[in-house]
PDBML (XML) file of the C-alpha atoms, coordinates in Angstrom:
<?xml version="1.0" encoding="UTF-8" ?>
<PDBx:datablock datablockName="MODEL"
   xmlns:PDBx="http://pdbml.pdb.org/schema/pdbx-v50.xsd"
   xmlns:xsi="http://www.w3.org/2001/XMLSchema-instance"
   xsi:schemaLocation="http://pdbml.pdb.org/schema/pdbx-v50.xsd pdbx-v50.xsd">
   <PDBx:atom_siteCategory>
      <PDBx:atom_site id="1">
         <PDBx:B_iso_or_equiv>0.00</PDBx:B_iso_or_equiv>
         <PDBx:Cartn_x>17.553</PDBx:Cartn_x>
         <PDBx:Cartn_y>2.781</PDBx:Cartn_y>
         <PDBx:Cartn_z>20.992</PDBx:Cartn_z>
         <PDBx:auth_asym_id>A</PDBx:auth_asym_id>
         <PDBx:auth_atom_id>CA</PDBx:auth_atom_id>
         <PDBx:auth_comp_id>ASP</PDBx:auth_comp_id>
         <PDBx:auth_seq_id>1</PDBx:auth_seq_id>
         <PDBx:group_PDB>ATOM</PDBx:group_PDB>
         <PDBx:label_alt_id xsi:nil="true" />
         <PDBx:label_asym_id>A</PDBx:label_asym_id>
         <PDBx:label_atom_id>CA</PDBx:label_atom_id>
         <PDBx:label_comp_id>ASP</PDBx:label_comp_id>
         <PDBx:label_entity_id>1</PDBx:label_entity_id>
         <PDBx:label_seq_id>1</PDBx:label_seq_id>
         <PDBx:occupancy>1.00</PDBx:occupancy>
         <PDBx:pdbx_PDB_model_num>1</PDBx:pdbx_PDB_model_num>
         <PDBx:type_symbol>C</PDBx:type_symbol>
      </PDBx:atom_site>
      <PDBx:atom_site id="2">
         <PDBx:B_iso_or_equiv>0.00</PDBx:B_iso_or_equiv>
         <PDBx:Cartn_x>14.654</PDBx:Cartn_x>
         <PDBx:Cartn_y>4.786</PDBx:Cartn_y>
         <PDBx:Cartn_z>22.245</PDBx:Cartn_z>
         <PDBx:auth_asym_id>A</PDBx:auth_asym_id>
         <PDBx:auth_atom_id>CA</PDBx:auth_atom_id>
         <PDBx:auth_comp_id>THR</PDBx:auth_comp_id>
         <PDBx:auth_seq_id>2</PDBx:auth_seq_id>
         <PDBx:group_PDB>ATOM</PDBx:group_PDB>
         <PDBx:label_alt_id xsi:nil="true" />
         <PDBx:label_asym_id>A</PDBx:label_asym_id>
         <PDBx:label_atom_id>CA</PDBx:label_atom_id>
         <PDBx:label_comp_id>THR</PDBx:label_comp_id>
         <PDBx:label_entity_id>1</PDBx:label_entity_id>
         <PDBx:label_seq_id>2</PDBx:label_seq_id>
         <PDBx:occupancy>1.00</PDBx:occupancy>
         <PDBx:pdbx_PDB_model_num>1</PDBx:pdbx_PDB_model_num>
         <PDBx:type_symbol>C</PDBx:type_symbol>
      </PDBx:atom_site>
      <PDBx:atom_site id="3">
         <PDBx:B_iso_or_equiv>0.00</PDBx:B_iso_or_equiv>
         <PDBx:Cartn_x>11.718</PDBx:Cartn_x>
         <PDBx:Cartn_y>2.655</PDBx:Cartn_y>
         <PDBx:Cartn_z>21.284</PDBx:Cartn_z>
         <PDBx:auth_asym_id>A</PDBx:auth_asym_id>
         <PDBx:auth_atom_id>CA</PDBx:auth_atom_id>
         <PDBx:auth_comp_id>HIS</PDBx:auth_comp_id>
         <PDBx:auth_seq_id>3</PDBx:auth_seq_id>
         <PDBx:group_PDB>ATOM</PDBx:group_PDB>
         <PDBx:label_alt_id xsi:nil="true" />
         <PDBx:label_asym_id>A</PDBx:label_asym_id>
         <PDBx:label_atom_id>CA</PDBx:label_atom_id>
         <PDBx:label_comp_id>HIS</PDBx:label_comp_id>
         <PDBx:label_entity_id>1</PDBx:label_entity_id>
         <PDBx:label_seq_id>3</PDBx:label_seq_id>
         <PDBx:occupancy>1.00</PDBx:occupancy>
         <PDBx:pdbx_PDB_model_num>1</PDBx:pdbx_PDB_model_num>
         <PDBx:type_symbol>C</PDBx:type_symbol>
      </PDBx:atom_site>
      <PDBx:atom_site id="4">
         <PDBx:B_iso_or_equiv>0.00</PDBx:B_iso_or_equiv>
         <PDBx:Cartn_x>12.530</PDBx:Cartn_x>
         <PDBx:Cartn_y>0.013</PDBx:Cartn_y>
         <PDBx:Cartn_z>18.697</PDBx:Cartn_z>
         <PDBx:auth_asym_id>A</PDBx:auth_asym_id>
         <PDBx:auth_atom_id>CA</PDBx:auth_atom_id>
         <PDBx:auth_comp_id>THR</PDBx:auth_comp_id>
         <PDBx:auth_seq_id>4</PDBx:auth_seq_id>
         <PDBx:group_PDB>ATOM</PDBx:group_PDB>
         <PDBx:label_alt_id xsi:nil="true" />
         <PDBx:label_asym_id>A</PDBx:label_asym_id>
         <PDBx:label_atom_id>CA</PDBx:label_atom_id>
         <PDBx:label_comp_id>THR</PDBx:label_comp_id>
         <PDBx:label_entity_id>1</PDBx:label_entity_id>
         <PDBx:label_seq_id>4</PDBx:label_seq_id>
         <PDBx:occupancy>1.00</PDBx:occupancy>
         <PDBx:pdbx_PDB_model_num>1</PDBx:pdbx_PDB_model_num>
         <PDBx:type_symbol>C</PDBx:type_symbol>
      </PDBx:atom_site>
      <PDBx:atom_site id="5">
         <PDBx:B_iso_or_equiv>0.00</PDBx:B_iso_or_equiv>
         <PDBx:Cartn_x>9.028</PDBx:Cartn_x>
         <PDBx:Cartn_y>-0.391</PDBx:Cartn_y>
         <PDBx:Cartn_z>17.396</PDBx:Cartn_z>
         <PDBx:auth_asym_id>A</PDBx:auth_asym_id>
         <PDBx:auth_atom_id>CA</PDBx:auth_atom_id>
         <PDBx:auth_comp_id>ALA</PDBx:auth_comp_id>
         <PDBx:auth_seq_id>5</PDBx:auth_seq_id>
         <PDBx:group_PDB>ATOM</PDBx:group_PDB>
         <PDBx:label_alt_id xsi:nil="true" />
         <PDBx:label_asym_id>A</PDBx:label_asym_id>
         <PDBx:label_atom_id>CA</PDBx:label_atom_id>
         <PDBx:label_comp_id>ALA</PDBx:label_comp_id>
         <PDBx:label_entity_id>1</PDBx:label_entity_id>
         <PDBx:label_seq_id>5</PDBx:label_seq_id>
         <PDBx:occupancy>1.00</PDBx:occupancy>
         <PDBx:pdbx_PDB_model_num>1</PDBx:pdbx_PDB_model_num>
         <PDBx:type_symbol>C</PDBx:type_symbol>
      </PDBx:atom_site>
      <PDBx:atom_site id="6">
         <PDBx:B_iso_or_equiv>0.00</PDBx:B_iso_or_equiv>
         <PDBx:Cartn_x>8.699</PDBx:Cartn_x>
         <PDBx:Cartn_y>3.375</PDBx:Cartn_y>
         <PDBx:Cartn_z>17.070</PDBx:Cartn_z>
         <PDBx:auth_asym_id>A</PDBx:auth_asym_id>
         <PDBx:auth_atom_id>CA</PDBx:auth_atom_id>
         <PDBx:auth_comp_id>THR</PDBx:auth_comp_id>
         <PDBx:auth_seq_id>6</PDBx:auth_seq_id>
         <PDBx:group_PDB>ATOM</PDBx:group_PDB>
         <PDBx:label_alt_id xsi:nil="true" />
         <PDBx:label_asym_id>A</PDBx:label_asym_id>
         <PDBx:label_atom_id>CA</PDBx:label_atom_id>
         <PDBx:label_comp_id>THR</PDBx:label_comp_id>
         <PDBx:label_entity_id>1</PDBx:label_entity_id>
         <PDBx:label_seq_id>6</PDBx:label_seq_id>
         <PDBx:occupancy>1.00</PDBx:occupancy>
         <PDBx:pdbx_PDB_model_num>1</PDBx:pdbx_PDB_model_num>
         <PDBx:type_symbol>C</PDBx:type_symbol>
      </PDBx:atom_site>
      <PDBx:atom_site id="7">
         <PDBx:B_iso_or_equiv>0.00</PDBx:B_iso_or_equiv>
         <PDBx:Cartn_x>12.080</PDBx:Cartn_x>
         <PDBx:Cartn_y>3.640</PDBx:Cartn_y>
         <PDBx:Cartn_z>15.373</PDBx:Cartn_z>
         <PDBx:auth_asym_id>A</PDBx:auth_asym_id>
         <PDBx:auth_atom_id>CA</PDBx:auth_atom_id>
         <PDBx:auth_comp_id>ALA</PDBx:auth_comp_id>
         <PDBx:auth_seq_id>7</PDBx:auth_seq_id>
         <PDBx:group_PDB>ATOM</PDBx:group_PDB>
         <PDBx:label_alt_id xsi:nil="true" />
         <PDBx:label_asym_id>A</PDBx:label_asym_id>
         <PDBx:label_atom_id>CA</PDBx:label_atom_id>
         <PDBx:label_comp_id>ALA</PDBx:label_comp_id>
         <PDBx:label_entity_id>1</PDBx:label_entity_id>
         <PDBx:label_seq_id>7</PDBx:label_seq_id>
         <PDBx:occupancy>1.00</PDBx:occupancy>
         <PDBx:pdbx_PDB_model_num>1</PDBx:pdbx_PDB_model_num>
         <PDBx:type_symbol>C</PDBx:type_symbol>
      </PDBx:atom_site>
      <PDBx:atom_site id="8">
         <PDBx:B_iso_or_equiv>0.00</PDBx:B_iso_or_equiv>
         <PDBx:Cartn_x>11.203</PDBx:Cartn_x>
         <PDBx:Cartn_y>0.961</PDBx:Cartn_y>
         <PDBx:Cartn_z>12.831</PDBx:Cartn_z>
         <PDBx:auth_asym_id>A</PDBx:auth_asym_id>
         <PDBx:auth_atom_id>CA</PDBx:auth_atom_id>
         <PDBx:auth_comp_id>THR</PDBx:auth_comp_id>
         <PDBx:auth_seq_id>8</PDBx:auth_seq_id>
         <PDBx:group_PDB>ATOM</PDBx:group_PDB>
         <PDBx:label_alt_id xsi:nil="true" />
         <PDBx:label_asym_id>A</PDBx:label_asym_id>
         <PDBx:label_atom_id>CA</PDBx:label_atom_id>
         <PDBx:label_comp_id>THR</PDBx:label_comp_id>
         <PDBx:label_entity_id>1</PDBx:label_entity_id>
         <PDBx:label_seq_id>8</PDBx:label_seq_id>
         <PDBx:occupancy>1.00</PDBx:occupancy>
         <PDBx:pdbx_PDB_model_num>1</PDBx:pdbx_PDB_model_num>
         <PDBx:type_symbol>C</PDBx:type_symbol>
      </PDBx:atom_site>
      <PDBx:atom_site id="9">
         <PDBx:B_iso_or_equiv>0.00</PDBx:B_iso_or_equiv>
         <PDBx:Cartn_x>7.775</PDBx:Cartn_x>
         <PDBx:Cartn_y>2.537</PDBx:Cartn_y>
         <PDBx:Cartn_z>12.209</PDBx:Cartn_z>
         <PDBx:auth_asym_id>A</PDBx:auth_asym_id>
         <PDBx:auth_atom_id>CA</PDBx:auth_atom_id>
         <PDBx:auth_comp_id>ASP</PDBx:auth_comp_id>
         <PDBx:auth_seq_id>9</PDBx:auth_seq_id>
         <PDBx:group_PDB>ATOM</PDBx:group_PDB>
         <PDBx:label_alt_id xsi:nil="true" />
         <PDBx:label_asym_id>A</PDBx:label_asym_id>
         <PDBx:label_atom_id>CA</PDBx:label_atom_id>
         <PDBx:label_comp_id>ASP</PDBx:label_comp_id>
         <PDBx:label_entity_id>1</PDBx:label_entity_id>
         <PDBx:label_seq_id>9</PDBx:label_seq_id>
         <PDBx:occupancy>1.00</PDBx:occupancy>
         <PDBx:pdbx_PDB_model_num>1</PDBx:pdbx_PDB_model_num>
         <PDBx:type_symbol>C</PDBx:type_symbol>
      </PDBx:atom_site>
      <PDBx:atom_site id="10">
         <PDBx:B_iso_or_equiv>0.00</PDBx:B_iso_or_equiv>
         <PDBx:Cartn_x>9.440</PDBx:Cartn_x>
         <PDBx:Cartn_y>5.922</PDBx:Cartn_y>
         <PDBx:Cartn_z>11.726</PDBx:Cartn_z>
         <PDBx:auth_asym_id>A</PDBx:auth_asym_id>
         <PDBx:auth_atom_id>CA</PDBx:auth_atom_id>
         <PDBx:auth_comp_id>THR</PDBx:auth_comp_id>
         <PDBx:auth_seq_id>10</PDBx:auth_seq_id>
         <PDBx:group_PDB>ATOM</PDBx:group_PDB>
         <PDBx:label_alt_id xsi:nil="true" />
         <PDBx:label_asym_id>A</PDBx:label_asym_id>
         <PDBx:label_atom_id>CA</PDBx:label_atom_id>
         <PDBx:label_comp_id>THR</PDBx:label_comp_id>
         <PDBx:label_entity_id>1</PDBx:label_entity_id>
         <PDBx:label_seq_id>10</PDBx:label_seq_id>
         <PDBx:occupancy>1.00</PDBx:occupancy>
         <PDBx:pdbx_PDB_model_num>1</PDBx:pdbx_PDB_model_num>
         <PDBx:type_symbol>C</PDBx:type_symbol>
      </PDBx:atom_site>
      <PDBx:atom_site id="11">
         <PDBx:B_iso_or_equiv>0.00</PDBx:B_iso_or_equiv>
         <PDBx:Cartn_x>11.967</PDBx:Cartn_x>
         <PDBx:Cartn_y>4.464</PDBx:Cartn_y>
         <PDBx:Cartn_z>9.284</PDBx:Cartn_z>
         <PDBx:auth_asym_id>A</PDBx:auth_asym_id>
         <PDBx:auth_atom_id>CA</PDBx:auth_atom_id>
         <PDBx:auth_comp_id>ALA</PDBx:auth_comp_id>
         <PDBx:auth_seq_id>11</PDBx:auth_seq_id>
         <PDBx:group_PDB>ATOM</PDBx:group_PDB>
         <PDBx:label_alt_id xsi:nil="true" />
         <PDBx:label_asym_id>A</PDBx:label_asym_id>
         <PDBx:label_atom_id>CA</PDBx:label_atom_id>
         <PDBx:label_comp_id>ALA</PDBx:label_comp_id>
         <PDBx:label_entity_id>1</PDBx:label_entity_id>
         <PDBx:label_seq_id>11</PDBx:label_seq_id>
         <PDBx:occupancy>1.00</PDBx:occupancy>
         <PDBx:pdbx_PDB_model_num>1</PDBx:pdbx_PDB_model_num>
         <PDBx:type_symbol>C</PDBx:type_symbol>
      </PDBx:atom_site>
      <PDBx:atom_site id="12">
         <PDBx:B_iso_or_equiv>0.00</PDBx:B_iso_or_equiv>
         <PDBx:Cartn_x>9.205</PDBx:Cartn_x>
         <PDBx:Cartn_y>2.722</PDBx:Cartn_y>
         <PDBx:Cartn_z>7.389</PDBx:Cartn_z>
         <PDBx:auth_asym_id>A</PDBx:auth_asym_id>
         <PDBx:auth_atom_id>CA</PDBx:auth_atom_id>
         <PDBx:auth_comp_id>ARG</PDBx:auth_comp_id>
         <PDBx:auth_seq_id>12</PDBx:auth_seq_id>
         <PDBx:group_PDB>ATOM</PDBx:group_PDB>
         <PDBx:label_alt_id xsi:nil="true" />
         <PDBx:label_asym_id>A</PDBx:label_asym_id>
         <PDBx:label_atom_id>CA</PDBx:label_atom_id>
         <PDBx:label_comp_id>ARG</PDBx:label_comp_id>
         <PDBx:label_entity_id>1</PDBx:label_entity_id>
         <PDBx:label_seq_id>12</PDBx:label_seq_id>
         <PDBx:occupancy>1.00</PDBx:occupancy>
         <PDBx:pdbx_PDB_model_num>1</PDBx:pdbx_PDB_model_num>
         <PDBx:type_symbol>C</PDBx:type_symbol>
      </PDBx:atom_site>
      <PDBx:atom_site id="13">
         <PDBx:B_iso_or_equiv>0.00</PDBx:B_iso_or_equiv>
         <PDBx:Cartn_x>7.162</PDBx:Cartn_x>
         <PDBx:Cartn_y>5.932</PDBx:Cartn_y>
         <PDBx:Cartn_z>7.149</PDBx:Cartn_z>
         <PDBx:auth_asym_id>A</PDBx:auth_asym_id>
         <PDBx:auth_atom_id>CA</PDBx:auth_atom_id>
         <PDBx:auth_comp_id>THR</PDBx:auth_comp_id>
         <PDBx:auth_seq_id>13</PDBx:auth_seq_id>
         <PDBx:group_PDB>ATOM</PDBx:group_PDB>
         <PDBx:label_alt_id xsi:nil="true" />
         <PDBx:label_asym_id>A</PDBx:label_asym_id>
         <PDBx:label_atom_id>CA</PDBx:label_atom_id>
         <PDBx:label_comp_id>THR</PDBx:label_comp_id>
         <PDBx:label_entity_id>1</PDBx:label_entity_id>
         <PDBx:label_seq_id>13</PDBx:label_seq_id>
         <PDBx:occupancy>1.00</PDBx:occupancy>
         <PDBx:pdbx_PDB_model_num>1</PDBx:pdbx_PDB_model_num>
         <PDBx:type_symbol>C</PDBx:type_symbol>
      </PDBx:atom_site>
      <PDBx:atom_site id="14">
         <PDBx:B_iso_or_equiv>0.00</PDBx:B_iso_or_equiv>
         <PDBx:Cartn_x>10.109</PDBx:Cartn_x>
         <PDBx:Cartn_y>8.077</PDBx:Cartn_y>
         <PDBx:Cartn_z>6.038</PDBx:Cartn_z>
         <PDBx:auth_asym_id>A</PDBx:auth_asym_id>
         <PDBx:auth_atom_id>CA</PDBx:auth_atom_id>
         <PDBx:auth_comp_id>ILE</PDBx:auth_comp_id>
         <PDBx:auth_seq_id>14</PDBx:auth_seq_id>
         <PDBx:group_PDB>ATOM</PDBx:group_PDB>
         <PDBx:label_alt_id xsi:nil="true" />
         <PDBx:label_asym_id>A</PDBx:label_asym_id>
         <PDBx:label_atom_id>CA</PDBx:label_atom_id>
         <PDBx:label_comp_id>ILE</PDBx:label_comp_id>
         <PDBx:label_entity_id>1</PDBx:label_entity_id>
         <PDBx:label_seq_id>14</PDBx:label_seq_id>
         <PDBx:occupancy>1.00</PDBx:occupancy>
         <PDBx:pdbx_PDB_model_num>1</PDBx:pdbx_PDB_model_num>
         <PDBx:type_symbol>C</PDBx:type_symbol>
      </PDBx:atom_site>
      <PDBx:atom_site id="15">
         <PDBx:B_iso_or_equiv>0.00</PDBx:B_iso_or_equiv>
         <PDBx:Cartn_x>11.113</PDBx:Cartn_x>
         <PDBx:Cartn_y>5.592</PDBx:Cartn_y>
         <PDBx:Cartn_z>3.367</PDBx:Cartn_z>
         <PDBx:auth_asym_id>A</PDBx:auth_asym_id>
         <PDBx:auth_atom_id>CA</PDBx:auth_atom_id>
         <PDBx:auth_comp_id>LEU</PDBx:auth_comp_id>
         <PDBx:auth_seq_id>15</PDBx:auth_seq_id>
         <PDBx:group_PDB>ATOM</PDBx:group_PDB>
         <PDBx:label_alt_id xsi:nil="true" />
         <PDBx:label_asym_id>A</PDBx:label_asym_id>
         <PDBx:label_atom_id>CA</PDBx:label_atom_id>
         <PDBx:label_comp_id>LEU</PDBx:label_comp_id>
         <PDBx:label_entity_id>1</PDBx:label_entity_id>
         <PDBx:label_seq_id>15</PDBx:label_seq_id>
         <PDBx:occupancy>1.00</PDBx:occupancy>
         <PDBx:pdbx_PDB_model_num>1</PDBx:pdbx_PDB_model_num>
         <PDBx:type_symbol>C</PDBx:type_symbol>
      </PDBx:atom_site>
      <PDBx:atom_site id="16">
         <PDBx:B_iso_or_equiv>0.00</PDBx:B_iso_or_equiv>
         <PDBx:Cartn_x>7.536</PDBx:Cartn_x>
         <PDBx:Cartn_y>5.190</PDBx:Cartn_y>
         <PDBx:Cartn_z>2.174</PDBx:Cartn_z>
         <PDBx:auth_asym_id>A</PDBx:auth_asym_id>
         <PDBx:auth_atom_id>CA</PDBx:auth_atom_id>
         <PDBx:auth_comp_id>LYS</PDBx:auth_comp_id>
         <PDBx:auth_seq_id>16</PDBx:auth_seq_id>
         <PDBx:group_PDB>ATOM</PDBx:group_PDB>
         <PDBx:label_alt_id xsi:nil="true" />
         <PDBx:label_asym_id>A</PDBx:label_asym_id>
         <PDBx:label_atom_id>CA</PDBx:label_atom_id>
         <PDBx:label_comp_id>LYS</PDBx:label_comp_id>
         <PDBx:label_entity_id>1</PDBx:label_entity_id>
         <PDBx:label_seq_id>16</PDBx:label_seq_id>
         <PDBx:occupancy>1.00</PDBx:occupancy>
         <PDBx:pdbx_PDB_model_num>1</PDBx:pdbx_PDB_model_num>
         <PDBx:type_symbol>C</PDBx:type_symbol>
      </PDBx:atom_site>
      <PDBx:atom_site id="17">
         <PDBx:B_iso_or_equiv>0.00</PDBx:B_iso_or_equiv>
         <PDBx:Cartn_x>7.438</PDBx:Cartn_x>
         <PDBx:Cartn_y>8.925</PDBx:Cartn_y>
         <PDBx:Cartn_z>1.564</PDBx:Cartn_z>
         <PDBx:auth_asym_id>A</PDBx:auth_asym_id>
         <PDBx:auth_atom_id>CA</PDBx:auth_atom_id>
         <PDBx:auth_comp_id>GLU</PDBx:auth_comp_id>
         <PDBx:auth_seq_id>17</PDBx:auth_seq_id>
         <PDBx:group_PDB>ATOM</PDBx:group_PDB>
         <PDBx:label_alt_id xsi:nil="true" />
         <PDBx:label_asym_id>A</PDBx:label_asym_id>
         <PDBx:label_atom_id>CA</PDBx:label_atom_id>
         <PDBx:label_comp_id>GLU</PDBx:label_comp_id>
         <PDBx:label_entity_id>1</PDBx:label_entity_id>
         <PDBx:label_seq_id>17</PDBx:label_seq_id>
         <PDBx:occupancy>1.00</PDBx:occupancy>
         <PDBx:pdbx_PDB_model_num>1</PDBx:pdbx_PDB_model_num>
         <PDBx:type_symbol>C</PDBx:type_symbol>
      </PDBx:atom_site>
      <PDBx:atom_site id="18">
         <PDBx:B_iso_or_equiv>0.00</PDBx:B_iso_or_equiv>
         <PDBx:Cartn_x>10.855</PDBx:Cartn_x>
         <PDBx:Cartn_y>9.006</PDBx:Cartn_y>
         <PDBx:Cartn_z>-0.140</PDBx:Cartn_z>
         <PDBx:auth_asym_id>A</PDBx:auth_asym_id>
         <PDBx:auth_atom_id>CA</PDBx:auth_atom_id>
         <PDBx:auth_comp_id>ASN</PDBx:auth_comp_id>
         <PDBx:auth_seq_id>18</PDBx:auth_seq_id>
         <PDBx:group_PDB>ATOM</PDBx:group_PDB>
         <PDBx:label_alt_id xsi:nil="true" />
         <PDBx:label_asym_id>A</PDBx:label_asym_id>
         <PDBx:label_atom_id>CA</PDBx:label_atom_id>
         <PDBx:label_comp_id>ASN</PDBx:label_comp_id>
         <PDBx:label_entity_id>1</PDBx:label_entity_id>
         <PDBx:label_seq_id>18</PDBx:label_seq_id>
         <PDBx:occupancy>1.00</PDBx:occupancy>
         <PDBx:pdbx_PDB_model_num>1</PDBx:pdbx_PDB_model_num>
         <PDBx:type_symbol>C</PDBx:type_symbol>
      </PDBx:atom_site>
      <PDBx:atom_site id="19">
         <PDBx:B_iso_or_equiv>0.00</PDBx:B_iso_or_equiv>
         <PDBx:Cartn_x>12.525</PDBx:Cartn_x>
         <PDBx:Cartn_y>5.722</PDBx:Cartn_y>
         <PDBx:Cartn_z>-1.050</PDBx:Cartn_z>
         <PDBx:auth_asym_id>A</PDBx:auth_asym_id>
         <PDBx:auth_atom_id>CA</PDBx:auth_atom_id>
         <PDBx:auth_comp_id>ALA</PDBx:auth_comp_id>
         <PDBx:auth_seq_id>19</PDBx:auth_seq_id>
         <PDBx:group_PDB>ATOM</PDBx:group_PDB>
         <PDBx:label_alt_id xsi:nil="true" />
         <PDBx:label_asym_id>A</PDBx:label_asym_id>
         <PDBx:label_atom_id>CA</PDBx:label_atom_id>
         <PDBx:label_comp_id>ALA</PDBx:label_comp_id>
         <PDBx:label_entity_id>1</PDBx:label_entity_id>
         <PDBx:label_seq_id>19</PDBx:label_seq_id>
         <PDBx:occupancy>1.00</PDBx:occupancy>
         <PDBx:pdbx_PDB_model_num>1</PDBx:pdbx_PDB_model_num>
         <PDBx:type_symbol>C</PDBx:type_symbol>
      </PDBx:atom_site>
      <PDBx:atom_site id="20">
         <PDBx:B_iso_or_equiv>0.00</PDBx:B_iso_or_equiv>
         <PDBx:Cartn_x>15.693</PDBx:Cartn_x>
         <PDBx:Cartn_y>7.546</PDBx:Cartn_y>
         <PDBx:Cartn_z>-2.217</PDBx:Cartn_z>
         <PDBx:auth_asym_id>A</PDBx:auth_asym_id>
         <PDBx:auth_atom_id>CA</PDBx:auth_atom_id>
         <PDBx:auth_comp_id>ALA</PDBx:auth_comp_id>
         <PDBx:auth_seq_id>20</PDBx:auth_seq_id>
         <PDBx:group_PDB>ATOM</PDBx:group_PDB>
         <PDBx:label_alt_id xsi:nil="true" />
         <PDBx:label_asym_id>A</PDBx:label_asym_id>
         <PDBx:label_atom_id>CA</PDBx:label_atom_id>
         <PDBx:label_comp_id>ALA</PDBx:label_comp_id>
         <PDBx:label_entity_id>1</PDBx:label_entity_id>
         <PDBx:label_seq_id>20</PDBx:label_seq_id>
         <PDBx:occupancy>1.00</PDBx:occupancy>
         <PDBx:pdbx_PDB_model_num>1</PDBx:pdbx_PDB_model_num>
         <PDBx:type_symbol>C</PDBx:type_symbol>
      </PDBx:atom_site>
      <PDBx:atom_site id="21">
         <PDBx:B_iso_or_equiv>0.00</PDBx:B_iso_or_equiv>
         <PDBx:Cartn_x>16.606</PDBx:Cartn_x>
         <PDBx:Cartn_y>8.567</PDBx:Cartn_y>
         <PDBx:Cartn_z>1.342</PDBx:Cartn_z>
         <PDBx:auth_asym_id>A</PDBx:auth_asym_id>
         <PDBx:auth_atom_id>CA</PDBx:auth_atom_id>
         <PDBx:auth_comp_id>ILE</PDBx:auth_comp_id>
         <PDBx:auth_seq_id>21</PDBx:auth_seq_id>
         <PDBx:group_PDB>ATOM</PDBx:group_PDB>
         <PDBx:label_alt_id xsi:nil="true" />
         <PDBx:label_asym_id>A</PDBx:label_asym_id>
         <PDBx:label_atom_id>CA</PDBx:label_atom_id>
         <PDBx:label_comp_id>ILE</PDBx:label_comp_id>
         <PDBx:label_entity_id>1</PDBx:label_entity_id>
         <PDBx:label_seq_id>21</PDBx:label_seq_id>
         <PDBx:occupancy>1.00</PDBx:occupancy>
         <PDBx:pdbx_PDB_model_num>1</PDBx:pdbx_PDB_model_num>
         <PDBx:type_symbol>C</PDBx:type_symbol>
      </PDBx:atom_site>
      <PDBx:atom_site id="22">
         <PDBx:B_iso_or_equiv>0.00</PDBx:B_iso_or_equiv>
         <PDBx:Cartn_x>19.522</PDBx:Cartn_x>
         <PDBx:Cartn_y>6.644</PDBx:Cartn_y>
         <PDBx:Cartn_z>2.762</PDBx:Cartn_z>
         <PDBx:auth_asym_id>A</PDBx:auth_asym_id>
         <PDBx:auth_atom_id>CA</PDBx:auth_atom_id>
         <PDBx:auth_comp_id>GLN</PDBx:auth_comp_id>
         <PDBx:auth_seq_id>22</PDBx:auth_seq_id>
         <PDBx:group_PDB>ATOM</PDBx:group_PDB>
         <PDBx:label_alt_id xsi:nil="true" />
         <PDBx:label_asym_id>A</PDBx:label_asym_id>
         <PDBx:label_atom_id>CA</PDBx:label_atom_id>
         <PDBx:label_comp_id>GLN</PDBx:label_comp_id>
         <PDBx:label_entity_id>1</PDBx:label_entity_id>
         <PDBx:label_seq_id>22</PDBx:label_seq_id>
         <PDBx:occupancy>1.00</PDBx:occupancy>
         <PDBx:pdbx_PDB_model_num>1</PDBx:pdbx_PDB_model_num>
         <PDBx:type_symbol>C</PDBx:type_symbol>
      </PDBx:atom_site>
      <PDBx:atom_site id="23">
         <PDBx:B_iso_or_equiv>0.00</PDBx:B_iso_or_equiv>
         <PDBx:Cartn_x>18.653</PDBx:Cartn_x>
         <PDBx:Cartn_y>5.680</PDBx:Cartn_y>
         <PDBx:Cartn_z>6.332</PDBx:Cartn_z>
         <PDBx:auth_asym_id>A</PDBx:auth_asym_id>
         <PDBx:auth_atom_id>CA</PDBx:auth_atom_id>
         <PDBx:auth_comp_id>LEU</PDBx:auth_comp_id>
         <PDBx:auth_seq_id>23</PDBx:auth_seq_id>
         <PDBx:group_PDB>ATOM</PDBx:group_PDB>
         <PDBx:label_alt_id xsi:nil="true" />
         <PDBx:label_asym_id>A</PDBx:label_asym_id>
         <PDBx:label_atom_id>CA</PDBx:label_atom_id>
         <PDBx:label_comp_id>LEU</PDBx:label_comp_id>
         <PDBx:label_entity_id>1</PDBx:label_entity_id>
         <PDBx:label_seq_id>23</PDBx:label_seq_id>
         <PDBx:occupancy>1.00</PDBx:occupancy>
         <PDBx:pdbx_PDB_model_num>1</PDBx:pdbx_PDB_model_num>
         <PDBx:type_symbol>C</PDBx:type_symbol>
      </PDBx:atom_site>
      <PDBx:atom_site id="24">
         <PDBx:B_iso_or_equiv>0.00</PDBx:B_iso_or_equiv>
         <PDBx:Cartn_x>21.276</PDBx:Cartn_x>
         <PDBx:Cartn_y>5.018</PDBx:Cartn_y>
         <PDBx:Cartn_z>9.002</PDBx:Cartn_z>
         <PDBx:auth_asym_id>A</PDBx:auth_asym_id>
         <PDBx:auth_atom_id>CA</PDBx:auth_atom_id>
         <PDBx:auth_comp_id>VAL</PDBx:auth_comp_id>
         <PDBx:auth_seq_id>24</PDBx:auth_seq_id>
         <PDBx:group_PDB>ATOM</PDBx:group_PDB>
         <PDBx:label_alt_id xsi:nil="true" />
         <PDBx:label_asym_id>A</PDBx:label_asym_id>
         <PDBx:label_atom_id>CA</PDBx:label_atom_id>
         <PDBx:label_comp_id>VAL</PDBx:label_comp_id>
         <PDBx:label_entity_id>1</PDBx:label_entity_id>
         <PDBx:label_seq_id>24</PDBx:label_seq_id>
         <PDBx:occupancy>1.00</PDBx:occupancy>
         <PDBx:pdbx_PDB_model_num>1</PDBx:pdbx_PDB_model_num>
         <PDBx:type_symbol>C</PDBx:type_symbol>
      </PDBx:atom_site>
   </PDBx:atom_siteCategory>
</PDBx:datablock>
């Protein structure tokens, strides 16, 4: 909810570093 663009960028970055992480 905070900043959607930032949340999606954050998710993308986290998963790029470790694709095995399950993101909710």
